[in-house]
């Protein structure tokens, strides 16, 4: 007897995740990201999408963490984008804060202190 596999996305009536963003939150879409970016004065380029993918991947890798540690996230982004210039590069891509602004656009909740203006964000 053959059993048909049940696709949870089909069962709950939601579309499949975007293959270009495998780690994106279920409710997030590229159109949402572009709308938020436009409201914040950004036109998303491939550099922006690469940061968004990296953030979404980081959050999936740390899904079991009670909270996302800002310093760990900062260090992970700095290391991931080190060849391009690390955090200096990320501030050119997301001038509103490479953590706070990019998390908003990526559909993620920024770590608590990332919205503190003393860290250079405009949350």
PDB file of N, CA and C in Angstrom:
ATOM      1  N   UNK A   1       0.838  -1.172   0.000  1.00  0.00           N
ATOM      2  CA  UNK A   1       0.000   0.000   0.000  1.00  0.00           C
ATOM      3  C   UNK A   1       0.887   1.241   0.000  1.00  0.00           C
ATOM      4  N   UNK A   2       0.615   2.122  -0.888  1.00  0.00           N
ATOM      5  CA  UNK A   2       1.413   3.328  -1.031  1.00  0.00           C
ATOM      6  C   UNK A   2       0.755   4.480  -0.266  1.00  0.00           C
ATOM      7  N   UNK A   3       1.576   5.201   0.477  1.00  0.00           N
ATOM      8  CA  UNK A   3       1.081   6.365   1.232  1.00  0.00           C
ATOM      9  C   UNK A   3       1.580   7.632   0.588  1.00  0.00           C
ATOM     10  N   UNK A   4       0.704   8.562   0.429  1.00  0.00           N
ATOM     11  CA  UNK A   4       1.088   9.843  -0.134  1.00  0.00           C
ATOM     12  C   UNK A   4       1.655  10.726   0.977  1.00  0.00           C
ATOM     13  N   UNK A   5       2.757  11.371   0.698  1.00  0.00           N
ATOM     14  CA  UNK A   5       3.386  12.257   1.670  1.00  0.00           C
ATOM     15  C   UNK A   5       2.527  13.499   1.862  1.00  0.00           C
ATOM     16  N   UNK A   6       2.373  13.925   3.105  1.00  0.00           N
ATOM     17  CA  UNK A   6       1.593  15.128   3.409  1.00  0.00           C
ATOM     18  C   UNK A   6       2.534  16.319   3.503  1.00  0.00           C
ATOM     19  N   UNK A   7       2.335  17.280   2.631  1.00  0.00           N
ATOM     20  CA  UNK A   7       3.120  18.519   2.643  1.00  0.00           C
ATOM     21  C   UNK A   7       2.436  19.505   3.582  1.00  0.00           C
ATOM     22  N   UNK A   8       3.105  19.866   4.665  1.00  0.00           N
ATOM     23  CA  UNK A   8       2.523  20.749   5.666  1.00  0.00           C
ATOM     24  C   UNK A   8       2.094  22.086   5.063  1.00  0.00           C
ATOM     25  N   UNK A   9       2.862  22.590   4.085  1.00  0.00           N
ATOM     26  CA  UNK A   9       2.484  23.859   3.446  1.00  0.00           C
ATOM     27  C   UNK A   9       1.147  23.721   2.723  1.00  0.00           C
ATOM     28  N   UNK A  10       0.944  22.587   2.085  1.00  0.00           N
ATOM     29  CA  UNK A  10      -0.332  22.347   1.405  1.00  0.00           C
ATOM     30  C   UNK A  10      -1.453  22.212   2.421  1.00  0.00           C
ATOM     31  N   UNK A  11      -1.184  21.493   3.508  1.00  0.00           N
ATOM     32  CA  UNK A  11      -2.202  21.257   4.518  1.00  0.00           C
ATOM     33  C   UNK A  11      -2.677  22.545   5.188  1.00  0.00           C
ATOM     34  N   UNK A  12      -1.780  23.488   5.412  1.00  0.00           N
ATOM     35  CA  UNK A  12      -2.181  24.722   6.084  1.00  0.00           C
ATOM     36  C   UNK A  12      -2.494  25.842   5.095  1.00  0.00           C
ATOM     37  N   UNK A  13      -2.405  25.529   3.813  1.00  0.00           N
ATOM     38  CA  UNK A  13      -2.818  26.490   2.796  1.00  0.00           C
ATOM     39  C   UNK A  13      -1.846  27.612   2.534  1.00  0.00           C
ATOM     40  N   UNK A  14      -0.595  27.445   2.905  1.00  0.00           N
ATOM     41  CA  UNK A  14       0.395  28.482   2.630  1.00  0.00           C
ATOM     42  C   UNK A  14       1.279  28.046   1.472  1.00  0.00           C
ATOM     43  N   UNK A  15       1.839  29.022   0.801  1.00  0.00           N
ATOM     44  CA  UNK A  15       2.724  28.712  -0.309  1.00  0.00           C
ATOM     45  C   UNK A  15       4.050  28.175   0.206  1.00  0.00           C
ATOM     46  N   UNK A  16       4.756  27.541  -0.686  1.00  0.00           N
ATOM     47  CA  UNK A  16       6.078  27.009  -0.332  1.00  0.00           C
ATOM     48  C   UNK A  16       7.055  28.168  -0.152  1.00  0.00           C
ATOM     49  N   UNK A  17       8.080  27.962   0.666  1.00  0.00           N
ATOM     50  CA  UNK A  17       9.080  29.031   0.852  1.00  0.00           C
ATOM     51  C   UNK A  17       9.774  29.363  -0.467  1.00  0.00           C
ATOM     52  N   UNK A  18      10.227  30.585  -0.565  1.00  0.00           N
ATOM     53  CA  UNK A  18      10.966  31.040  -1.738  1.00  0.00           C
ATOM     54  C   UNK A  18      12.295  30.287  -1.779  1.00  0.00           C
ATOM     55  N   UNK A  19      12.604  29.595  -2.887  1.00  0.00           N
ATOM     56  CA  UNK A  19      13.861  28.837  -2.953  1.00  0.00           C
ATOM     57  C   UNK A  19      15.107  29.717  -2.849  1.00  0.00           C
ATOM     58  N   UNK A  20      14.983  31.008  -3.167  1.00  0.00           N
ATOM     59  CA  UNK A  20      16.121  31.918  -3.035  1.00  0.00           C
ATOM     60  C   UNK A  20      16.348  32.341  -1.580  1.00  0.00           C
ATOM     61  N   UNK A  21      15.349  32.104  -0.735  1.00  0.00           N
ATOM     62  CA  UNK A  21      15.414  32.482   0.676  1.00  0.00           C
ATOM     63  C   UNK A  21      14.909  31.305   1.520  1.00  0.00           C
ATOM     64  N   UNK A  22      15.670  30.216   1.561  1.00  0.00           N
ATOM     65  CA  UNK A  22      15.196  29.004   2.245  1.00  0.00           C
ATOM     66  C   UNK A  22      15.027  29.159   3.751  1.00  0.00           C
ATOM     67  N   UNK A  23      15.683  30.142   4.347  1.00  0.00           N
ATOM     68  CA  UNK A  23      15.620  30.320   5.802  1.00  0.00           C
ATOM     69  C   UNK A  23      14.692  31.463   6.219  1.00  0.00           C
ATOM     70  N   UNK A  24      13.931  31.987   5.283  1.00  0.00           N
ATOM     71  CA  UNK A  24      13.048  33.127   5.572  1.00  0.00           C
ATOM     72  C   UNK A  24      11.908  32.705   6.493  1.00  0.00           C
ATOM     73  N   UNK A  25      11.445  33.623   7.343  1.00  0.00           N
ATOM     74  CA  UNK A  25      10.259  33.328   8.153  1.00  0.00           C
ATOM     75  C   UNK A  25       9.077  33.028   7.228  1.00  0.00           C
ATOM     76  N   UNK A  26       8.175  32.172   7.675  1.00  0.00           N
ATOM     77  CA  UNK A  26       7.054  31.735   6.839  1.00  0.00           C
ATOM     78  C   UNK A  26       6.212  32.899   6.313  1.00  0.00           C
ATOM     79  N   UNK A  27       6.000  33.937   7.117  1.00  0.00           N
ATOM     80  CA  UNK A  27       5.123  35.030   6.707  1.00  0.00           C
ATOM     81  C   UNK A  27       5.844  36.102   5.885  1.00  0.00           C
ATOM     82  N   UNK A  28       7.152  35.981   5.696  1.00  0.00           N
ATOM     83  CA  UNK A  28       7.961  36.975   5.006  1.00  0.00           C
ATOM     84  C   UNK A  28       7.928  36.757   3.498  1.00  0.00           C
ATOM     85  N   UNK A  29       7.899  37.852   2.741  1.00  0.00           N
ATOM     86  CA  UNK A  29       8.020  37.778   1.282  1.00  0.00           C
ATOM     87  C   UNK A  29       8.996  38.845   0.801  1.00  0.00           C
ATOM     88  N   UNK A  30       9.527  38.630  -0.369  1.00  0.00           N
ATOM     89  CA  UNK A  30      10.419  39.625  -0.977  1.00  0.00           C
ATOM     90  C   UNK A  30       9.684  40.945  -1.197  1.00  0.00           C
ATOM     91  N   UNK A  31       8.413  40.849  -1.550  1.00  0.00           N
ATOM     92  CA  UNK A  31       7.631  42.080  -1.767  1.00  0.00           C
ATOM     93  C   UNK A  31       7.509  42.887  -0.486  1.00  0.00           C
ATOM     94  N   UNK A  32       7.321  42.193   0.642  1.00  0.00           N
ATOM     95  CA  UNK A  32       7.279  42.892   1.937  1.00  0.00           C
ATOM     96  C   UNK A  32       8.611  43.599   2.186  1.00  0.00           C
ATOM     97  N   UNK A  33       9.700  42.899   1.912  1.00  0.00           N
ATOM     98  CA  UNK A  33      11.033  43.475   2.123  1.00  0.00           C
ATOM     99  C   UNK A  33      11.229  44.717   1.259  1.00  0.00           C
ATOM    100  N   UNK A  34      10.825  44.634   0.005  1.00  0.00           N
ATOM    101  CA  UNK A  34      10.989  45.785  -0.891  1.00  0.00           C
ATOM    102  C   UNK A  34      10.126  46.965  -0.447  1.00  0.00           C
ATOM    103  N   UNK A  35       8.949  46.686   0.075  1.00  0.00           N
ATOM    104  CA  UNK A  35       8.069  47.751   0.568  1.00  0.00           C
ATOM    105  C   UNK A  35       8.694  48.455   1.777  1.00  0.00           C
ATOM    106  N   UNK A  36       9.188  47.671   2.734  1.00  0.00           N
ATOM    107  CA  UNK A  36       9.826  48.252   3.922  1.00  0.00           C
ATOM    108  C   UNK A  36      11.066  49.050   3.513  1.00  0.00           C
ATOM    109  N   UNK A  37      11.869  48.480   2.628  1.00  0.00           N
ATOM    110  CA  UNK A  37      13.084  49.159   2.171  1.00  0.00           C
ATOM    111  C   UNK A  37      12.742  50.488   1.499  1.00  0.00           C
ATOM    112  N   UNK A  38      11.735  50.481   0.651  1.00  0.00           N
ATOM    113  CA  UNK A  38      11.307  51.717  -0.024  1.00  0.00           C
ATOM    114  C   UNK A  38      10.903  52.778   0.995  1.00  0.00           C
ATOM    115  N   UNK A  39      10.152  52.350   2.030  1.00  0.00           N
ATOM    116  CA  UNK A  39       9.737  53.285   3.081  1.00  0.00           C
ATOM    117  C   UNK A  39      10.931  53.870   3.824  1.00  0.00           C
ATOM    118  N   UNK A  40      12.031  53.107   3.853  1.00  0.00           N
ATOM    119  CA  UNK A  40      13.238  53.561   4.555  1.00  0.00           C
ATOM    120  C   UNK A  40      14.258  54.183   3.598  1.00  0.00           C
ATOM    121  N   UNK A  41      13.847  54.395   2.356  1.00  0.00           N
ATOM    122  CA  UNK A  41      14.709  55.069   1.397  1.00  0.00           C
ATOM    123  C   UNK A  41      15.785  54.197   0.773  1.00  0.00           C
ATOM    124  N   UNK A  42      15.588  52.897   0.763  1.00  0.00           N
ATOM    125  CA  UNK A  42      16.562  51.981   0.169  1.00  0.00           C
ATOM    126  C   UNK A  42      15.986  51.313  -1.067  1.00  0.00           C
ATOM    127  N   UNK A  43      16.819  51.127  -2.052  1.00  0.00           N
ATOM    128  CA  UNK A  43      16.485  50.289  -3.189  1.00  0.00           C
ATOM    129  C   UNK A  43      17.357  49.053  -3.056  1.00  0.00           C
ATOM    130  N   UNK A  44      16.730  47.899  -2.897  1.00  0.00           N
ATOM    131  CA  UNK A  44      17.473  46.674  -2.604  1.00  0.00           C
ATOM    132  C   UNK A  44      18.259  46.183  -3.815  1.00  0.00           C
ATOM    133  N   UNK A  45      19.531  45.924  -3.560  1.00  0.00           N
ATOM    134  CA  UNK A  45      20.431  45.372  -4.568  1.00  0.00           C
ATOM    135  C   UNK A  45      20.828  43.965  -4.130  1.00  0.00           C
ATOM    136  N   UNK A  46      21.629  43.307  -4.922  1.00  0.00           N
ATOM    137  CA  UNK A  46      22.081  41.958  -4.567  1.00  0.00           C
ATOM    138  C   UNK A  46      22.873  41.983  -3.253  1.00  0.00           C
ATOM    139  N   UNK A  47      23.580  43.079  -2.973  1.00  0.00           N
ATOM    140  CA  UNK A  47      24.292  43.201  -1.693  1.00  0.00           C
ATOM    141  C   UNK A  47      23.310  43.136  -0.521  1.00  0.00           C
ATOM    142  N   UNK A  48      22.190  43.836  -0.650  1.00  0.00           N
ATOM    143  CA  UNK A  48      21.172  43.809   0.404  1.00  0.00           C
ATOM    144  C   UNK A  48      20.612  42.395   0.572  1.00  0.00           C
ATOM    145  N   UNK A  49      20.275  41.758  -0.557  1.00  0.00           N
ATOM    146  CA  UNK A  49      19.696  40.407  -0.486  1.00  0.00           C
ATOM    147  C   UNK A  49      20.673  39.423   0.150  1.00  0.00           C
ATOM    148  N   UNK A  50      21.976  39.586  -0.100  1.00  0.00           N
ATOM    149  CA  UNK A  50      22.970  38.695   0.511  1.00  0.00           C
ATOM    150  C   UNK A  50      22.992  38.854   2.028  1.00  0.00           C
ATOM    151  N   UNK A  51      22.881  40.082   2.501  1.00  0.00           N
ATOM    152  CA  UNK A  51      22.845  40.321   3.946  1.00  0.00           C
ATOM    153  C   UNK A  51      21.556  39.738   4.529  1.00  0.00           C
ATOM    154  N   UNK A  52      20.454  39.930   3.840  1.00  0.00           N
ATOM    155  CA  UNK A  52      19.171  39.388   4.306  1.00  0.00           C
ATOM    156  C   UNK A  52      19.245  37.870   4.416  1.00  0.00           C
ATOM    157  N   UNK A  53      19.802  37.214   3.402  1.00  0.00           N
ATOM    158  CA  UNK A  53      19.957  35.750   3.448  1.00  0.00           C
ATOM    159  C   UNK A  53      20.838  35.330   4.628  1.00  0.00           C
ATOM    160  N   UNK A  54      21.933  36.053   4.830  1.00  0.00           N
ATOM    161  CA  UNK A  54      22.852  35.714   5.926  1.00  0.00           C
ATOM    162  C   UNK A  54      22.157  35.872   7.281  1.00  0.00           C
ATOM    163  N   UNK A  55      21.381  36.926   7.444  1.00  0.00           N
ATOM    164  CA  UNK A  55      20.637  37.140   8.696  1.00  0.00           C
ATOM    165  C   UNK A  55      19.613  36.036   8.924  1.00  0.00           C
ATOM    166  N   UNK A  56      18.844  35.740   7.895  1.00  0.00           N
ATOM    167  CA  UNK A  56      17.826  34.702   8.024  1.00  0.00           C
ATOM    168  C   UNK A  56      18.470  33.351   8.354  1.00  0.00           C
ATOM    169  N   UNK A  57      19.611  33.073   7.738  1.00  0.00           N
ATOM    170  CA  UNK A  57      20.318  31.819   8.028  1.00  0.00           C
ATOM    171  C   UNK A  57      20.801  31.800   9.479  1.00  0.00           C
ATOM    172  N   UNK A  58      21.353  32.916   9.935  1.00  0.00           N
ATOM    173  CA  UNK A  58      21.824  33.002  11.320  1.00  0.00           C
ATOM    174  C   UNK A  58      20.672  32.731  12.289  1.00  0.00           C
ATOM    175  N   UNK A  59      19.538  33.351  12.045  1.00  0.00           N
ATOM    176  CA  UNK A  59      18.383  33.175  12.938  1.00  0.00           C
ATOM    177  C   UNK A  59      17.902  31.720  12.947  1.00  0.00           C
ATOM    178  N   UNK A  60      17.909  31.052  11.809  1.00  0.00           N
ATOM    179  CA  UNK A  60      17.511  29.641  11.761  1.00  0.00           C
ATOM    180  C   UNK A  60      18.506  28.799  12.555  1.00  0.00           C
ATOM    181  N   UNK A  61      19.792  29.097  12.410  1.00  0.00           N
ATOM    182  CA  UNK A  61      20.818  28.352  13.137  1.00  0.00           C
ATOM    183  C   UNK A  61      20.722  28.546  14.646  1.00  0.00           C
ATOM    184  N   UNK A  62      20.116  29.651  15.079  1.00  0.00           N
ATOM    185  CA  UNK A  62      19.994  29.971  16.499  1.00  0.00           C
ATOM    186  C   UNK A  62      18.538  29.959  16.966  1.00  0.00           C
ATOM    187  N   UNK A  63      17.712  29.206  16.277  1.00  0.00           N
ATOM    188  CA  UNK A  63      16.278  29.154  16.585  1.00  0.00           C
ATOM    189  C   UNK A  63      15.998  28.637  17.996  1.00  0.00           C
ATOM    190  N   UNK A  64      16.882  27.816  18.532  1.00  0.00           N
ATOM    191  CA  UNK A  64      16.676  27.272  19.871  1.00  0.00           C
ATOM    192  C   UNK A  64      17.135  28.216  20.976  1.00  0.00           C
ATOM    193  N   UNK A  65      17.820  29.289  20.597  1.00  0.00           N
ATOM    194  CA  UNK A  65      18.279  30.251  21.597  1.00  0.00           C
ATOM    195  C   UNK A  65      17.075  31.013  22.164  1.00  0.00           C
ATOM    196  N   UNK A  66      17.107  31.268  23.443  1.00  0.00           N
ATOM    197  CA  UNK A  66      16.034  32.037  24.071  1.00  0.00           C
ATOM    198  C   UNK A  66      15.987  33.450  23.501  1.00  0.00           C
ATOM    199  N   UNK A  67      17.158  34.048  23.373  1.00  0.00           N
ATOM    200  CA  UNK A  67      17.273  35.374  22.764  1.00  0.00           C
ATOM    201  C   UNK A  67      18.454  35.352  21.802  1.00  0.00           C
ATOM    202  N   UNK A  68      18.408  36.240  20.836  1.00  0.00           N
ATOM    203  CA  UNK A  68      19.534  36.392  19.915  1.00  0.00           C
ATOM    204  C   UNK A  68      20.510  37.364  20.564  1.00  0.00           C
ATOM    205  N   UNK A  69      21.748  36.927  20.713  1.00  0.00           N
ATOM    206  CA  UNK A  69      22.779  37.745  21.329  1.00  0.00           C
ATOM    207  C   UNK A  69      23.323  38.739  20.308  1.00  0.00           C
ATOM    208  N   UNK A  70      23.177  40.020  20.600  1.00  0.00           N
ATOM    209  CA  UNK A  70      23.598  41.064  19.667  1.00  0.00           C
ATOM    210  C   UNK A  70      25.081  40.968  19.333  1.00  0.00           C
ATOM    211  N   UNK A  71      25.913  40.775  20.329  1.00  0.00           N
ATOM    212  CA  UNK A  71      27.352  40.711  20.065  1.00  0.00           C
ATOM    213  C   UNK A  71      27.699  39.521  19.173  1.00  0.00           C
ATOM    214  N   UNK A  72      27.080  38.361  19.431  1.00  0.00           N
ATOM    215  CA  UNK A  72      27.338  37.183  18.591  1.00  0.00           C
ATOM    216  C   UNK A  72      26.876  37.423  17.157  1.00  0.00           C
ATOM    217  N   UNK A  73      25.697  38.036  17.005  1.00  0.00           N
ATOM    218  CA  UNK A  73      25.185  38.341  15.670  1.00  0.00           C
ATOM    219  C   UNK A  73      26.099  39.335  14.964  1.00  0.00           C
ATOM    220  N   UNK A  74      26.498  40.355  15.664  1.00  0.00           N
ATOM    221  CA  UNK A  74      27.414  41.375  15.127  1.00  0.00           C
ATOM    222  C   UNK A  74      28.702  40.712  14.648  1.00  0.00           C
ATOM    223  N   UNK A  75      29.284  39.852  15.496  1.00  0.00           N
ATOM    224  CA  UNK A  75      30.535  39.177  15.138  1.00  0.00           C
ATOM    225  C   UNK A  75      30.347  38.242  13.952  1.00  0.00           C
ATOM    226  N   UNK A  76      29.216  37.540  13.900  1.00  0.00           N
ATOM    227  CA  UNK A  76      28.948  36.626  12.790  1.00  0.00           C
ATOM    228  C   UNK A  76      28.823  37.388  11.474  1.00  0.00           C
ATOM    229  N   UNK A  77      28.132  38.522  11.505  1.00  0.00           N
ATOM    230  CA  UNK A  77      28.003  39.340  10.292  1.00  0.00           C
ATOM    231  C   UNK A  77      29.351  39.923   9.879  1.00  0.00           C
ATOM    232  N   UNK A  78      30.105  40.406  10.860  1.00  0.00           N
ATOM    233  CA  UNK A  78      31.429  40.967  10.578  1.00  0.00           C
ATOM    234  C   UNK A  78      32.319  39.915   9.919  1.00  0.00           C
ATOM    235  N   UNK A  79      32.276  38.693  10.435  1.00  0.00           N
ATOM    236  CA  UNK A  79      33.092  37.617   9.871  1.00  0.00           C
ATOM    237  C   UNK A  79      32.599  37.208   8.487  1.00  0.00           C
ATOM    238  N   UNK A  80      31.287  37.066   8.341  1.00  0.00           N
ATOM    239  CA  UNK A  80      30.712  36.631   7.055  1.00  0.00           C
ATOM    240  C   UNK A  80      31.035  37.622   5.935  1.00  0.00           C
ATOM    241  N   UNK A  81      31.019  38.917   6.253  1.00  0.00           N
ATOM    242  CA  UNK A  81      31.246  39.935   5.233  1.00  0.00           C
ATOM    243  C   UNK A  81      32.629  40.576   5.354  1.00  0.00           C
ATOM    244  N   UNK A  82      33.545  39.906   6.031  1.00  0.00           N
ATOM    245  CA  UNK A  82      34.911  40.404   6.205  1.00  0.00           C
ATOM    246  C   UNK A  82      35.603  40.707   4.872  1.00  0.00           C
ATOM    247  N   UNK A  83      35.493  39.827   3.857  1.00  0.00           N
ATOM    248  CA  UNK A  83      36.171  40.138   2.589  1.00  0.00           C
ATOM    249  C   UNK A  83      35.708  41.452   1.941  1.00  0.00           C
ATOM    250  N   UNK A  84      34.473  41.851   2.204  1.00  0.00           N
ATOM    251  CA  UNK A  84      33.962  43.103   1.639  1.00  0.00           C
ATOM    252  C   UNK A  84      34.239  44.304   2.541  1.00  0.00           C
ATOM    253  N   UNK A  85      34.706  44.068   3.761  1.00  0.00           N
ATOM    254  CA  UNK A  85      34.995  45.167   4.679  1.00  0.00           C
ATOM    255  C   UNK A  85      34.297  45.047   6.022  1.00  0.00           C
ATOM    256  N   UNK A  86      33.626  43.922   6.251  1.00  0.00           N
ATOM    257  CA  UNK A  86      32.999  43.689   7.553  1.00  0.00           C
ATOM    258  C   UNK A  86      31.902  44.685   7.866  1.00  0.00           C
ATOM    259  N   UNK A  87      31.891  45.153   9.109  1.00  0.00           N
ATOM    260  CA  UNK A  87      30.821  46.053   9.563  1.00  0.00           C
ATOM    261  C   UNK A  87      30.837  47.396   8.828  1.00  0.00           C
ATOM    262  N   UNK A  88      32.001  47.881   8.437  1.00  0.00           N
ATOM    263  CA  UNK A  88      32.043  49.137   7.671  1.00  0.00           C
ATOM    264  C   UNK A  88      31.258  48.972   6.370  1.00  0.00           C
ATOM    265  N   UNK A  89      31.461  47.854   5.698  1.00  0.00           N
ATOM    266  CA  UNK A  89      30.723  47.550   4.474  1.00  0.00           C
ATOM    267  C   UNK A  89      29.228  47.466   4.762  1.00  0.00           C
ATOM    268  N   UNK A  90      28.867  46.773   5.835  1.00  0.00           N
ATOM    269  CA  UNK A  90      27.453  46.586   6.167  1.00  0.00           C
ATOM    270  C   UNK A  90      26.759  47.914   6.459  1.00  0.00           C
ATOM    271  N   UNK A  91      27.475  48.870   7.052  1.00  0.00           N
ATOM    272  CA  UNK A  91      26.882  50.193   7.281  1.00  0.00           C
ATOM    273  C   UNK A  91      26.678  50.951   5.969  1.00  0.00           C
ATOM    274  N   UNK A  92      27.462  50.650   4.935  1.00  0.00           N
ATOM    275  CA  UNK A  92      27.219  51.287   3.643  1.00  0.00           C
ATOM    276  C   UNK A  92      25.995  50.676   2.963  1.00  0.00           C
ATOM    277  N   UNK A  93      25.746  49.394   3.216  1.00  0.00           N
ATOM    278  CA  UNK A  93      24.596  48.713   2.622  1.00  0.00           C
ATOM    279  C   UNK A  93      23.315  49.070   3.381  1.00  0.00           C
ATOM    280  N   UNK A  94      23.390  49.057   4.709  1.00  0.00           N
ATOM    281  CA  UNK A  94      22.248  49.387   5.566  1.00  0.00           C
ATOM    282  C   UNK A  94      22.633  50.544   6.482  1.00  0.00           C
ATOM    283  N   UNK A  95      22.552  51.780   5.993  1.00  0.00           N
ATOM    284  CA  UNK A  95      22.978  52.931   6.789  1.00  0.00           C
ATOM    285  C   UNK A  95      22.138  53.137   8.053  1.00  0.00           C
ATOM    286  N   UNK A  96      20.962  52.539   8.111  1.00  0.00           N
ATOM    287  CA  UNK A  96      20.124  52.644   9.302  1.00  0.00           C
ATOM    288  C   UNK A  96      20.500  51.629  10.365  1.00  0.00           C
ATOM    289  N   UNK A  97      21.590  50.925  10.159  1.00  0.00           N
ATOM    290  CA  UNK A  97      22.061  49.934  11.114  1.00  0.00           C
ATOM    291  C   UNK A  97      22.047  48.550  10.504  1.00  0.00           C
ATOM    292  N   UNK A  98      23.211  47.920  10.388  1.00  0.00           N
ATOM    293  CA  UNK A  98      23.276  46.615   9.743  1.00  0.00           C
ATOM    294  C   UNK A  98      22.524  45.518  10.490  1.00  0.00           C
ATOM    295  N   UNK A  99      22.187  45.741  11.739  1.00  0.00           N
ATOM    296  CA  UNK A  99      21.393  44.747  12.459  1.00  0.00           C
ATOM    297  C   UNK A  99      19.931  45.192  12.510  1.00  0.00           C
ATOM    298  N   UNK A 100      19.659  46.363  13.056  1.00  0.00           N
ATOM    299  CA  UNK A 100      18.276  46.807  13.242  1.00  0.00           C
ATOM    300  C   UNK A 100      17.535  46.959  11.912  1.00  0.00           C
ATOM    301  N   UNK A 101      18.098  47.705  10.992  1.00  0.00           N
ATOM    302  CA  UNK A 101      17.412  47.954   9.728  1.00  0.00           C
ATOM    303  C   UNK A 101      17.308  46.691   8.890  1.00  0.00           C
ATOM    304  N   UNK A 102      18.382  45.935   8.815  1.00  0.00           N
ATOM    305  CA  UNK A 102      18.341  44.728   7.984  1.00  0.00           C
ATOM    306  C   UNK A 102      17.410  43.674   8.581  1.00  0.00           C
ATOM    307  N   UNK A 103      17.309  43.593   9.903  1.00  0.00           N
ATOM    308  CA  UNK A 103      16.367  42.655  10.523  1.00  0.00           C
ATOM    309  C   UNK A 103      14.933  43.024  10.166  1.00  0.00           C
ATOM    310  N   UNK A 104      14.608  44.311  10.204  1.00  0.00           N
ATOM    311  CA  UNK A 104      13.251  44.736   9.829  1.00  0.00           C
ATOM    312  C   UNK A 104      12.927  44.296   8.407  1.00  0.00           C
ATOM    313  N   UNK A 105      13.862  44.512   7.512  1.00  0.00           N
ATOM    314  CA  UNK A 105      13.632  44.186   6.108  1.00  0.00           C
ATOM    315  C   UNK A 105      13.609  42.670   5.893  1.00  0.00           C
ATOM    316  N   UNK A 106      14.375  41.939   6.698  1.00  0.00           N
ATOM    317  CA  UNK A 106      14.436  40.469   6.571  1.00  0.00           C
ATOM    318  C   UNK A 106      13.281  39.767   7.274  1.00  0.00           C
ATOM    319  N   UNK A 107      12.414  40.536   7.930  1.00  0.00           N
ATOM    320  CA  UNK A 107      11.272  39.932   8.619  1.00  0.00           C
ATOM    321  C   UNK A 107      11.629  39.290   9.941  1.00  0.00           C
ATOM    322  N   UNK A 108      12.699  39.788  10.563  1.00  0.00           N
ATOM    323  CA  UNK A 108      13.198  39.220  11.821  1.00  0.00           C
ATOM    324  C   UNK A 108      13.107  40.248  12.937  1.00  0.00           C
ATOM    325  N   UNK A 109      12.996  39.762  14.152  1.00  0.00           N
ATOM    326  CA  UNK A 109      12.988  40.646  15.314  1.00  0.00           C
ATOM    327  C   UNK A 109      14.439  40.930  15.700  1.00  0.00           C
ATOM    328  N   UNK A 110      14.809  42.183  15.659  1.00  0.00           N
ATOM    329  CA  UNK A 110      16.179  42.573  16.008  1.00  0.00           C
ATOM    330  C   UNK A 110      16.411  42.345  17.495  1.00  0.00           C
ATOM    331  N   UNK A 111      17.643  41.989  17.869  1.00  0.00           N
ATOM    332  CA  UNK A 111      17.952  41.894  19.292  1.00  0.00           C
ATOM    333  C   UNK A 111      17.610  43.202  19.989  1.00  0.00           C
ATOM    334  N   UNK A 112      17.182  43.118  21.226  1.00  0.00           N
ATOM    335  CA  UNK A 112      16.680  44.257  22.000  1.00  0.00           C
ATOM    336  C   UNK A 112      17.541  45.502  21.881  1.00  0.00           C
ATOM    337  N   UNK A 113      18.796  45.396  22.163  1.00  0.00           N
ATOM    338  CA  UNK A 113      19.647  46.580  22.235  1.00  0.00           C
ATOM    339  C   UNK A 113      20.020  47.133  20.856  1.00  0.00           C
ATOM    340  N   UNK A 114      19.736  46.392  19.799  1.00  0.00           N
ATOM    341  CA  UNK A 114      20.058  46.871  18.448  1.00  0.00           C
ATOM    342  C   UNK A 114      19.241  48.096  18.084  1.00  0.00           C
ATOM    343  N   UNK A 115      18.161  48.361  18.796  1.00  0.00           N
ATOM    344  CA  UNK A 115      17.343  49.526  18.492  1.00  0.00           C
ATOM    345  C   UNK A 115      17.772  50.752  19.288  1.00  0.00           C
ATOM    346  N   UNK A 116      18.798  50.618  20.107  1.00  0.00           N
ATOM    347  CA  UNK A 116      19.328  51.730  20.889  1.00  0.00           C
ATOM    348  C   UNK A 116      20.067  52.679  19.949  1.00  0.00           C
ATOM    349  N   UNK A 117      19.667  53.921  19.903  1.00  0.00           N
ATOM    350  CA  UNK A 117      20.289  54.887  19.002  1.00  0.00           C
ATOM    351  C   UNK A 117      21.794  55.038  19.224  1.00  0.00           C
ATOM    352  N   UNK A 118      22.263  54.716  20.405  1.00  0.00           N
ATOM    353  CA  UNK A 118      23.702  54.838  20.663  1.00  0.00           C
ATOM    354  C   UNK A 118      24.494  53.821  19.859  1.00  0.00           C
ATOM    355  N   UNK A 119      23.822  52.813  19.289  1.00  0.00           N
ATOM    356  CA  UNK A 119      24.518  51.843  18.446  1.00  0.00           C
ATOM    357  C   UNK A 119      24.435  52.260  16.985  1.00  0.00           C
ATOM    358  N   UNK A 120      23.896  53.433  16.710  1.00  0.00           N
ATOM    359  CA  UNK A 120      23.883  53.941  15.343  1.00  0.00           C
ATOM    360  C   UNK A 120      22.701  53.485  14.528  1.00  0.00           C
ATOM    361  N   UNK A 121      21.706  52.863  15.146  1.00  0.00           N
ATOM    362  CA  UNK A 121      20.549  52.434  14.379  1.00  0.00           C
ATOM    363  C   UNK A 121      19.499  53.520  14.380  1.00  0.00           C
ATOM    364  N   UNK A 122      18.545  53.391  13.499  1.00  0.00           N
ATOM    365  CA  UNK A 122      17.462  54.357  13.426  1.00  0.00           C
ATOM    366  C   UNK A 122      16.128  53.663  13.623  1.00  0.00           C
ATOM    367  N   UNK A 123      16.090  52.699  14.496  1.00  0.00           N
ATOM    368  CA  UNK A 123      14.882  51.901  14.701  1.00  0.00           C
ATOM    369  C   UNK A 123      13.730  52.695  15.228  1.00  0.00           C
TER     370      UNK A 123
END
